[in-house]
Amino acid sequence: MKFARLLIFILAFQVNLRVKAVSDATPVGDPENCWTQAEGRCDVQAGRRPLRLKSAGLELWAEGESLLSRDSTQWRFLKGSVRASGEKTSELSFPQGKLLSQGGEFWILEDGPRFVARAVRGSLRVEVRDGRELNVPEGLEVWIGPMSTSGQIAHGVPTLIPLEDHLKRWSRLGDLPREKFVQEAKELKERWKGREQSSSDLYQRVADRHLASIAEEKEKKAERERRQKAERDRFRRLLYERAFER
């Protein structure tokens, strides 16, 4: 019910902002200019230009038309895409859970009905709304899908962040001079050199767990069949004994 109200809020607020910002490249907020204040309730949608925001221990860059909400001091990501950077422990909520970082840089992207969490510098932990936790090593991303009717949220296995797509998104933010951006992009490529092994190790662990689960299920099935056979044998003996007792 709470999530349904959130969706209604997003739709109503976005329609209102689109009407106001048709010809405006600047952000639009409710209350007006609330994003310029350090704290207090605020709902804001970035204009055509990226929007820079600050939260508790976290600096955010929102791509054009991204939608965020703040209750008091912490921002909550709702739509679009956001780059987040911080030197200390920080967190950022999104509709399907919460992202937790021990320091570094991460991104959260909206991708249709899914959200994609990227661990750019430093690892990332994702606390999903259904109670599960996902660990994402540096240089990898994971998608988190909508909640099913059974109450579980689908998610993928951490995979390599597509470098070309990431650099394009980053360049659109315009948060660095061109020379500085080129330098940091090269440094990022260097940092991500070993991520193929991290991804491979993760896939191997997932595969091992899957195989172990299959083996466990086979063993459970075999045990059920043994118990059922023993029960049938006992029943047949019982019928046999009763027949001869007559």
C-alpha atoms as a PDB file:
ATOM      1  CA  MET A   1       0.000   0.000   0.000  1.00  0.00           C
ATOM      2  CA  LYS A   2       2.840   2.342   0.923  1.00  0.00           C
ATOM      3  CA  PHE A   3       4.620   1.571  -2.363  1.00  0.00           C
ATOM      4  CA  ALA A   4       1.395   2.216  -4.327  1.00  0.00           C
ATOM      5  CA  ARG A   5       1.090   5.654  -2.711  1.00  0.00           C
ATOM      6  CA  LEU A   6       4.711   6.345  -3.661  1.00  0.00           C
ATOM      7  CA  LEU A   7       3.990   5.500  -7.313  1.00  0.00           C
ATOM      8  CA  ILE A   8       0.936   7.778  -7.300  1.00  0.00           C
ATOM      9  CA  PHE A   9       3.067  10.558  -5.823  1.00  0.00           C
ATOM     10  CA  ILE A  10       5.761  10.117  -8.476  1.00  0.00           C
ATOM     11  CA  LEU A  11       3.253  10.262 -11.317  1.00  0.00           C
ATOM     12  CA  ALA A  12       1.378  13.285  -9.953  1.00  0.00           C
ATOM     13  CA  PHE A  13       4.537  15.180  -9.065  1.00  0.00           C
ATOM     14  CA  GLN A  14       6.215  14.426 -12.391  1.00  0.00           C
ATOM     15  CA  VAL A  15       3.198  15.605 -14.400  1.00  0.00           C
ATOM     16  CA  ASN A  16       3.150  18.818 -12.378  1.00  0.00           C
ATOM     17  CA  LEU A  17       6.869  19.425 -12.898  1.00  0.00           C
ATOM     18  CA  ARG A  18       6.781  18.664 -16.618  1.00  0.00           C
ATOM     19  CA  VAL A  19       4.104  21.283 -17.076  1.00  0.00           C
ATOM     20  CA  LYS A  20       6.246  23.829 -15.230  1.00  0.00           C
ATOM     21  CA  ALA A  21       9.541  22.900 -16.846  1.00  0.00           C
ATOM     22  CA  VAL A  22       8.606  22.560 -20.510  1.00  0.00           C
ATOM     23  CA  SER A  23      10.824  25.470 -21.497  1.00  0.00           C
ATOM     24  CA  ASP A  24      12.979  25.653 -18.372  1.00  0.00           C
ATOM     25  CA  ALA A  25      16.465  24.159 -18.156  1.00  0.00           C
ATOM     26  CA  THR A  26      16.616  24.776 -14.392  1.00  0.00           C
ATOM     27  CA  PRO A  27      15.375  22.359 -11.710  1.00  0.00           C
ATOM     28  CA  VAL A  28      11.834  22.578 -10.387  1.00  0.00           C
ATOM     29  CA  GLY A  29      11.032  21.811  -6.777  1.00  0.00           C
ATOM     30  CA  ASP A  30       8.298  21.697  -4.218  1.00  0.00           C
ATOM     31  CA  PRO A  31       8.565  23.863  -2.137  1.00  0.00           C
ATOM     32  CA  GLU A  32      10.100  26.285  -4.618  1.00  0.00           C
ATOM     33  CA  ASN A  33      13.934  26.267  -4.641  1.00  0.00           C
ATOM     34  CA  CYS A  34      13.916  23.783  -1.743  1.00  0.00           C
ATOM     35  CA  TRP A  35      16.963  21.931  -3.123  1.00  0.00           C
ATOM     36  CA  THR A  36      19.129  24.996  -2.384  1.00  0.00           C
ATOM     37  CA  GLN A  37      18.492  24.535   1.346  1.00  0.00           C
ATOM     38  CA  ALA A  38      20.611  22.202   3.479  1.00  0.00           C
ATOM     39  CA  GLU A  39      17.623  20.392   5.001  1.00  0.00           C
ATOM     40  CA  GLY A  40      13.847  20.184   5.086  1.00  0.00           C
ATOM     41  CA  ARG A  41      11.221  18.457   2.968  1.00  0.00           C
ATOM     42  CA  CYS A  42      11.889  18.741  -0.753  1.00  0.00           C
ATOM     43  CA  ASP A  43      10.779  17.095  -3.981  1.00  0.00           C
ATOM     44  CA  VAL A  44      12.859  18.104  -6.970  1.00  0.00           C
ATOM     45  CA  GLN A  45      13.231  17.217 -10.628  1.00  0.00           C
ATOM     46  CA  ALA A  46      16.394  18.181 -12.460  1.00  0.00           C
ATOM     47  CA  GLY A  47      15.980  20.312 -15.553  1.00  0.00           C
ATOM     48  CA  ARG A  48      17.724  19.611 -18.839  1.00  0.00           C
ATOM     49  CA  ARG A  49      21.011  20.258 -17.082  1.00  0.00           C
ATOM     50  CA  PRO A  50      22.390  17.913 -14.381  1.00  0.00           C
ATOM     51  CA  LEU A  51      21.583  18.888 -10.799  1.00  0.00           C
ATOM     52  CA  ARG A  52      24.105  18.800  -7.954  1.00  0.00           C
ATOM     53  CA  LEU A  53      22.813  17.985  -4.465  1.00  0.00           C
ATOM     54  CA  LYS A  54      24.261  17.192  -1.056  1.00  0.00           C
ATOM     55  CA  SER A  55      23.044  14.684   1.490  1.00  0.00           C
ATOM     56  CA  ALA A  56      24.436  13.365   4.787  1.00  0.00           C
ATOM     57  CA  GLY A  57      28.033  12.455   3.851  1.00  0.00           C
ATOM     58  CA  LEU A  58      27.116  12.173   0.189  1.00  0.00           C
ATOM     59  CA  GLU A  59      27.344  14.367  -2.901  1.00  0.00           C
ATOM     60  CA  LEU A  60      24.883  13.681  -5.719  1.00  0.00           C
ATOM     61  CA  TRP A  61      24.790  14.577  -9.422  1.00  0.00           C
ATOM     62  CA  ALA A  62      21.411  13.929 -11.028  1.00  0.00           C
ATOM     63  CA  GLU A  63      21.055  13.664 -14.793  1.00  0.00           C
ATOM     64  CA  GLY A  64      18.406  15.752 -16.527  1.00  0.00           C
ATOM     65  CA  GLU A  65      14.803  15.099 -15.438  1.00  0.00           C
ATOM     66  CA  SER A  66      15.859  12.789 -12.578  1.00  0.00           C
ATOM     67  CA  LEU A  67      13.453  12.904  -9.648  1.00  0.00           C
ATOM     68  CA  LEU A  68      14.489  12.893  -5.974  1.00  0.00           C
ATOM     69  CA  SER A  69      12.759  13.448  -2.654  1.00  0.00           C
ATOM     70  CA  ARG A  70      14.109  14.552   0.744  1.00  0.00           C
ATOM     71  CA  ASP A  71      12.320  14.132   4.061  1.00  0.00           C
ATOM     72  CA  SER A  72      14.723  16.133   6.224  1.00  0.00           C
ATOM     73  CA  THR A  73      18.417  15.710   5.463  1.00  0.00           C
ATOM     74  CA  GLN A  74      18.664  12.554   3.322  1.00  0.00           C
ATOM     75  CA  TRP A  75      17.751  12.360  -0.338  1.00  0.00           C
ATOM     76  CA  ARG A  76      15.802   9.448  -1.823  1.00  0.00           C
ATOM     77  CA  PHE A  77      16.235   8.523  -5.492  1.00  0.00           C
ATOM     78  CA  LEU A  78      12.975   7.955  -7.385  1.00  0.00           C
ATOM     79  CA  LYS A  79      13.565   8.204 -11.159  1.00  0.00           C
ATOM     80  CA  GLY A  80      16.285   8.872 -13.731  1.00  0.00           C
ATOM     81  CA  SER A  81      19.959   8.359 -12.877  1.00  0.00           C
ATOM     82  CA  VAL A  82      22.245   9.676 -10.153  1.00  0.00           C
ATOM     83  CA  ARG A  83      25.960   9.627  -9.469  1.00  0.00           C
ATOM     84  CA  ALA A  84      26.836   9.526  -5.745  1.00  0.00           C
ATOM     85  CA  SER A  85      30.224  10.150  -4.153  1.00  0.00           C
ATOM     86  CA  GLY A  86      31.390  10.278  -0.547  1.00  0.00           C
ATOM     87  CA  GLU A  87      34.495   9.663   1.539  1.00  0.00           C
ATOM     88  CA  LYS A  88      32.692   8.104   4.521  1.00  0.00           C
ATOM     89  CA  THR A  89      29.913   5.609   5.160  1.00  0.00           C
ATOM     90  CA  SER A  90      26.773   6.733   3.357  1.00  0.00           C
ATOM     91  CA  GLU A  91      23.459   5.455   2.055  1.00  0.00           C
ATOM     92  CA  LEU A  92      20.901   6.312  -0.586  1.00  0.00           C
ATOM     93  CA  SER A  93      17.364   4.916  -0.687  1.00  0.00           C
ATOM     94  CA  PHE A  94      15.554   3.991  -3.901  1.00  0.00           C
ATOM     95  CA  PRO A  95      12.116   2.418  -4.521  1.00  0.00           C
ATOM     96  CA  GLN A  96      13.330  -1.182  -4.204  1.00  0.00           C
ATOM     97  CA  GLY A  97      15.674  -0.789  -1.249  1.00  0.00           C
ATOM     98  CA  LYS A  98      18.784   0.996  -0.082  1.00  0.00           C
ATOM     99  CA  LEU A  99      22.383   1.410  -1.323  1.00  0.00           C
ATOM    100  CA  LEU A 100      25.157   1.435   1.283  1.00  0.00           C
ATOM    101  CA  SER A 101      28.738   2.516   0.650  1.00  0.00           C
ATOM    102  CA  GLN A 102      31.789   2.573   2.916  1.00  0.00           C
ATOM    103  CA  GLY A 103      33.216   5.408   0.845  1.00  0.00           C
ATOM    104  CA  GLY A 104      33.798   5.874  -2.862  1.00  0.00           C
ATOM    105  CA  GLU A 105      31.490   6.340  -5.822  1.00  0.00           C
ATOM    106  CA  PHE A 106      28.365   4.549  -7.007  1.00  0.00           C
ATOM    107  CA  TRP A 107      25.507   5.134  -9.447  1.00  0.00           C
ATOM    108  CA  ILE A 108      21.833   4.228  -9.453  1.00  0.00           C
ATOM    109  CA  LEU A 109      20.047   4.104 -12.816  1.00  0.00           C
ATOM    110  CA  GLU A 110      16.445   3.552 -13.784  1.00  0.00           C
ATOM    111  CA  ASP A 111      16.127   0.946 -16.553  1.00  0.00           C
ATOM    112  CA  GLY A 112      12.460   0.346 -17.369  1.00  0.00           C
ATOM    113  CA  PRO A 113      10.887  -1.557 -14.459  1.00  0.00           C
ATOM    114  CA  ARG A 114      14.360  -2.281 -13.069  1.00  0.00           C
ATOM    115  CA  PHE A 115      17.013  -0.274 -11.271  1.00  0.00           C
ATOM    116  CA  VAL A 116      20.740  -0.766 -11.887  1.00  0.00           C
ATOM    117  CA  ALA A 117      23.262  -0.179  -9.076  1.00  0.00           C
ATOM    118  CA  ARG A 118      26.872   0.423 -10.145  1.00  0.00           C
ATOM    119  CA  ALA A 119      29.889   0.180  -7.843  1.00  0.00           C
ATOM    120  CA  VAL A 120      32.303   2.564  -9.563  1.00  0.00           C
ATOM    121  CA  ARG A 121      34.911   3.156  -6.854  1.00  0.00           C
ATOM    122  CA  GLY A 122      34.759   0.877  -3.854  1.00  0.00           C
ATOM    123  CA  SER A 123      32.308  -1.954  -3.262  1.00  0.00           C
ATOM    124  CA  LEU A 124      28.580  -1.468  -2.718  1.00  0.00           C
ATOM    125  CA  ARG A 125      25.973  -3.231  -0.634  1.00  0.00           C
ATOM    126  CA  VAL A 126      22.333  -3.314  -1.716  1.00  0.00           C
ATOM    127  CA  GLU A 127      19.662  -3.957   0.916  1.00  0.00           C
ATOM    128  CA  VAL A 128      16.595  -5.081  -1.006  1.00  0.00           C
ATOM    129  CA  ARG A 129      13.091  -4.378   0.308  1.00  0.00           C
ATOM    130  CA  ASP A 130      12.329  -8.091   0.679  1.00  0.00           C
ATOM    131  CA  GLY A 131      15.174  -8.477   3.209  1.00  0.00           C
ATOM    132  CA  ARG A 132      17.946  -9.843   0.989  1.00  0.00           C
ATOM    133  CA  GLU A 133      21.397  -8.275   0.627  1.00  0.00           C
ATOM    134  CA  LEU A 134      23.524  -8.057  -2.522  1.00  0.00           C
ATOM    135  CA  ASN A 135      27.259  -7.336  -2.471  1.00  0.00           C
ATOM    136  CA  VAL A 136      28.622  -5.618  -5.565  1.00  0.00           C
ATOM    137  CA  PRO A 137      32.429  -5.439  -6.015  1.00  0.00           C
ATOM    138  CA  GLU A 138      34.093  -2.399  -7.590  1.00  0.00           C
ATOM    139  CA  GLY A 139      33.648  -2.190 -11.358  1.00  0.00           C
ATOM    140  CA  LEU A 140      30.481  -4.312 -11.377  1.00  0.00           C
ATOM    141  CA  GLU A 141      26.749  -3.586 -11.509  1.00  0.00           C
ATOM    142  CA  VAL A 142      23.585  -5.449 -10.576  1.00  0.00           C
ATOM    143  CA  TRP A 143      19.956  -4.985 -11.602  1.00  0.00           C
ATOM    144  CA  ILE A 144      17.094  -5.046  -9.134  1.00  0.00           C
ATOM    145  CA  GLY A 145      13.631  -5.701 -10.528  1.00  0.00           C
ATOM    146  CA  PRO A 146      10.104  -4.976  -9.285  1.00  0.00           C
ATOM    147  CA  MET A 147       8.463  -6.962  -6.490  1.00  0.00           C
ATOM    148  CA  SER A 148       6.528 -10.055  -7.583  1.00  0.00           C
ATOM    149  CA  THR A 149       3.103 -11.112  -6.327  1.00  0.00           C
ATOM    150  CA  SER A 150       4.878 -13.511  -3.942  1.00  0.00           C
ATOM    151  CA  GLY A 151       6.614 -10.580  -2.246  1.00  0.00           C
ATOM    152  CA  GLN A 152      10.099 -11.227  -3.631  1.00  0.00           C
ATOM    153  CA  ILE A 153      12.151  -8.810  -5.730  1.00  0.00           C
ATOM    154  CA  ALA A 154      13.999 -10.277  -8.694  1.00  0.00           C
ATOM    155  CA  HIS A 155      17.652  -9.363  -9.188  1.00  0.00           C
ATOM    156  CA  GLY A 156      20.568 -10.287 -11.361  1.00  0.00           C
ATOM    157  CA  VAL A 157      24.118 -11.457 -10.713  1.00  0.00           C
ATOM    158  CA  PRO A 158      26.744  -8.662 -10.576  1.00  0.00           C
ATOM    159  CA  THR A 159      28.251  -8.156 -14.040  1.00  0.00           C
ATOM    160  CA  LEU A 160      30.836  -5.843 -15.582  1.00  0.00           C
ATOM    161  CA  ILE A 161      29.828  -2.205 -15.890  1.00  0.00           C
ATOM    162  CA  PRO A 162      29.785  -1.416 -19.645  1.00  0.00           C
ATOM    163  CA  LEU A 163      32.658   1.057 -19.814  1.00  0.00           C
ATOM    164  CA  GLU A 164      31.518   2.960 -22.907  1.00  0.00           C
ATOM    165  CA  ASP A 165      28.004   3.525 -21.558  1.00  0.00           C
ATOM    166  CA  HIS A 166      29.371   4.590 -18.181  1.00  0.00           C
ATOM    167  CA  LEU A 167      31.809   7.118 -19.615  1.00  0.00           C
ATOM    168  CA  LYS A 168      29.076   8.625 -21.803  1.00  0.00           C
ATOM    169  CA  ARG A 169      26.791   9.066 -18.808  1.00  0.00           C
ATOM    170  CA  TRP A 170      29.598  10.513 -16.736  1.00  0.00           C
ATOM    171  CA  SER A 171      30.629  12.982 -19.442  1.00  0.00           C
ATOM    172  CA  ARG A 172      27.040  14.287 -19.679  1.00  0.00           C
ATOM    173  CA  LEU A 173      27.195  15.423 -16.062  1.00  0.00           C
ATOM    174  CA  GLY A 174      29.867  17.990 -16.921  1.00  0.00           C
ATOM    175  CA  ASP A 175      31.148  17.934 -13.348  1.00  0.00           C
ATOM    176  CA  LEU A 176      34.813  18.077 -14.436  1.00  0.00           C
ATOM    177  CA  PRO A 177      36.856  20.118 -16.922  1.00  0.00           C
ATOM    178  CA  ARG A 178      37.576  18.106 -20.073  1.00  0.00           C
ATOM    179  CA  GLU A 179      41.263  17.521 -19.265  1.00  0.00           C
ATOM    180  CA  LYS A 180      40.419  16.361 -15.740  1.00  0.00           C
ATOM    181  CA  PHE A 181      37.674  14.083 -17.027  1.00  0.00           C
ATOM    182  CA  VAL A 182      40.024  12.417 -19.546  1.00  0.00           C
ATOM    183  CA  GLN A 183      42.610  11.877 -16.812  1.00  0.00           C
ATOM    184  CA  GLU A 184      40.131  10.361 -14.362  1.00  0.00           C
ATOM    185  CA  ALA A 185      38.593   8.202 -17.082  1.00  0.00           C
ATOM    186  CA  LYS A 186      42.028   6.700 -17.771  1.00  0.00           C
ATOM    187  CA  GLU A 187      42.553   6.122 -14.051  1.00  0.00           C
ATOM    188  CA  LEU A 188      39.168   4.403 -13.832  1.00  0.00           C
ATOM    189  CA  LYS A 189      40.044   2.038 -16.696  1.00  0.00           C
ATOM    190  CA  GLU A 190      43.235   1.153 -14.840  1.00  0.00           C
ATOM    191  CA  ARG A 191      41.342   0.515 -11.581  1.00  0.00           C
ATOM    192  CA  TRP A 192      38.909  -1.807 -13.356  1.00  0.00           C
ATOM    193  CA  LYS A 193      41.551  -4.037 -14.935  1.00  0.00           C
ATOM    194  CA  GLY A 194      40.994  -6.881 -12.486  1.00  0.00           C
ATOM    195  CA  ARG A 195      37.211  -6.759 -12.470  1.00  0.00           C
ATOM    196  CA  GLU A 196      36.858  -9.605 -14.989  1.00  0.00           C
ATOM    197  CA  GLN A 197      38.232 -11.946 -12.323  1.00  0.00           C
ATOM    198  CA  SER A 198      35.814 -10.562  -9.718  1.00  0.00           C
ATOM    199  CA  SER A 199      32.902 -11.149 -12.070  1.00  0.00           C
ATOM    200  CA  SER A 200      34.130 -14.642 -12.922  1.00  0.00           C
ATOM    201  CA  ASP A 201      34.520 -15.522  -9.237  1.00  0.00           C
ATOM    202  CA  LEU A 202      30.995 -14.302  -8.520  1.00  0.00           C
ATOM    203  CA  TYR A 203      29.541 -16.373 -11.347  1.00  0.00           C
ATOM    204  CA  GLN A 204      31.444 -19.397 -10.068  1.00  0.00           C
ATOM    205  CA  ARG A 205      30.093 -18.936  -6.542  1.00  0.00           C
ATOM    206  CA  VAL A 206      26.556 -18.513  -7.868  1.00  0.00           C
ATOM    207  CA  ALA A 207      26.963 -21.603 -10.052  1.00  0.00           C
ATOM    208  CA  ASP A 208      28.318 -23.590  -7.086  1.00  0.00           C
ATOM    209  CA  ARG A 209      25.369 -22.539  -4.933  1.00  0.00           C
ATOM    210  CA  HIS A 210      22.977 -23.437  -7.741  1.00  0.00           C
ATOM    211  CA  LEU A 211      24.539 -26.875  -8.194  1.00  0.00           C
ATOM    212  CA  ALA A 212      24.535 -27.425  -4.427  1.00  0.00           C
ATOM    213  CA  SER A 213      20.869 -26.449  -4.342  1.00  0.00           C
ATOM    214  CA  ILE A 214      20.076 -28.907  -7.136  1.00  0.00           C
ATOM    215  CA  ALA A 215      21.993 -31.670  -5.330  1.00  0.00           C
ATOM    216  CA  GLU A 216      20.195 -30.874  -2.087  1.00  0.00           C
ATOM    217  CA  GLU A 217      16.809 -30.942  -3.823  1.00  0.00           C
ATOM    218  CA  LYS A 218      17.661 -34.294  -5.440  1.00  0.00           C
ATOM    219  CA  GLU A 219      18.642 -35.697  -2.051  1.00  0.00           C
ATOM    220  CA  LYS A 220      15.385 -34.417  -0.509  1.00  0.00           C
ATOM    221  CA  LYS A 221      13.409 -35.973  -3.361  1.00  0.00           C
ATOM    222  CA  ALA A 222      15.233 -39.302  -2.934  1.00  0.00           C
ATOM    223  CA  GLU A 223      14.555 -39.209   0.810  1.00  0.00           C
ATOM    224  CA  ARG A 224      10.845 -38.544   0.199  1.00  0.00           C
ATOM    225  CA  GLU A 225      10.704 -41.453  -2.230  1.00  0.00           C
ATOM    226  CA  ARG A 226      12.444 -43.741   0.322  1.00  0.00           C
ATOM    227  CA  ARG A 227       9.954 -42.744   3.018  1.00  0.00           C
ATOM    228  CA  GLN A 228       7.007 -43.239   0.652  1.00  0.00           C
ATOM    229  CA  LYS A 229       8.311 -46.681  -0.398  1.00  0.00           C
ATOM    230  CA  ALA A 230       8.816 -47.674   3.243  1.00  0.00           C
ATOM    231  CA  GLU A 231       5.251 -46.565   4.029  1.00  0.00           C
ATOM    232  CA  ARG A 232       3.868 -48.552   1.089  1.00  0.00           C
ATOM    233  CA  ASP A 233       5.825 -51.647   2.155  1.00  0.00           C
ATOM    234  CA  ARG A 234       4.553 -51.284   5.724  1.00  0.00           C
ATOM    235  CA  PHE A 235       0.985 -50.943   4.482  1.00  0.00           C
ATOM    236  CA  ARG A 236       1.314 -54.032   2.259  1.00  0.00           C
ATOM    237  CA  ARG A 237       2.716 -56.069   5.177  1.00  0.00           C
ATOM    238  CA  LEU A 238      -0.143 -54.896   7.344  1.00  0.00           C
ATOM    239  CA  LEU A 239      -2.720 -55.987   4.755  1.00  0.00           C
ATOM    240  CA  TYR A 240      -0.940 -59.313   4.292  1.00  0.00           C
ATOM    241  CA  GLU A 241      -0.891 -60.010   8.041  1.00  0.00           C
ATOM    242  CA  ARG A 242      -4.546 -59.123   8.435  1.00  0.00           C
ATOM    243  CA  ALA A 243      -5.513 -61.346   5.519  1.00  0.00           C
ATOM    244  CA  PHE A 244      -3.810 -64.381   7.085  1.00  0.00           C
ATOM    245  CA  GLU A 245      -5.175 -63.639  10.557  1.00  0.00           C
ATOM    246  CA  ARG A 246      -8.674 -64.300   9.211  1.00  0.00           C
END
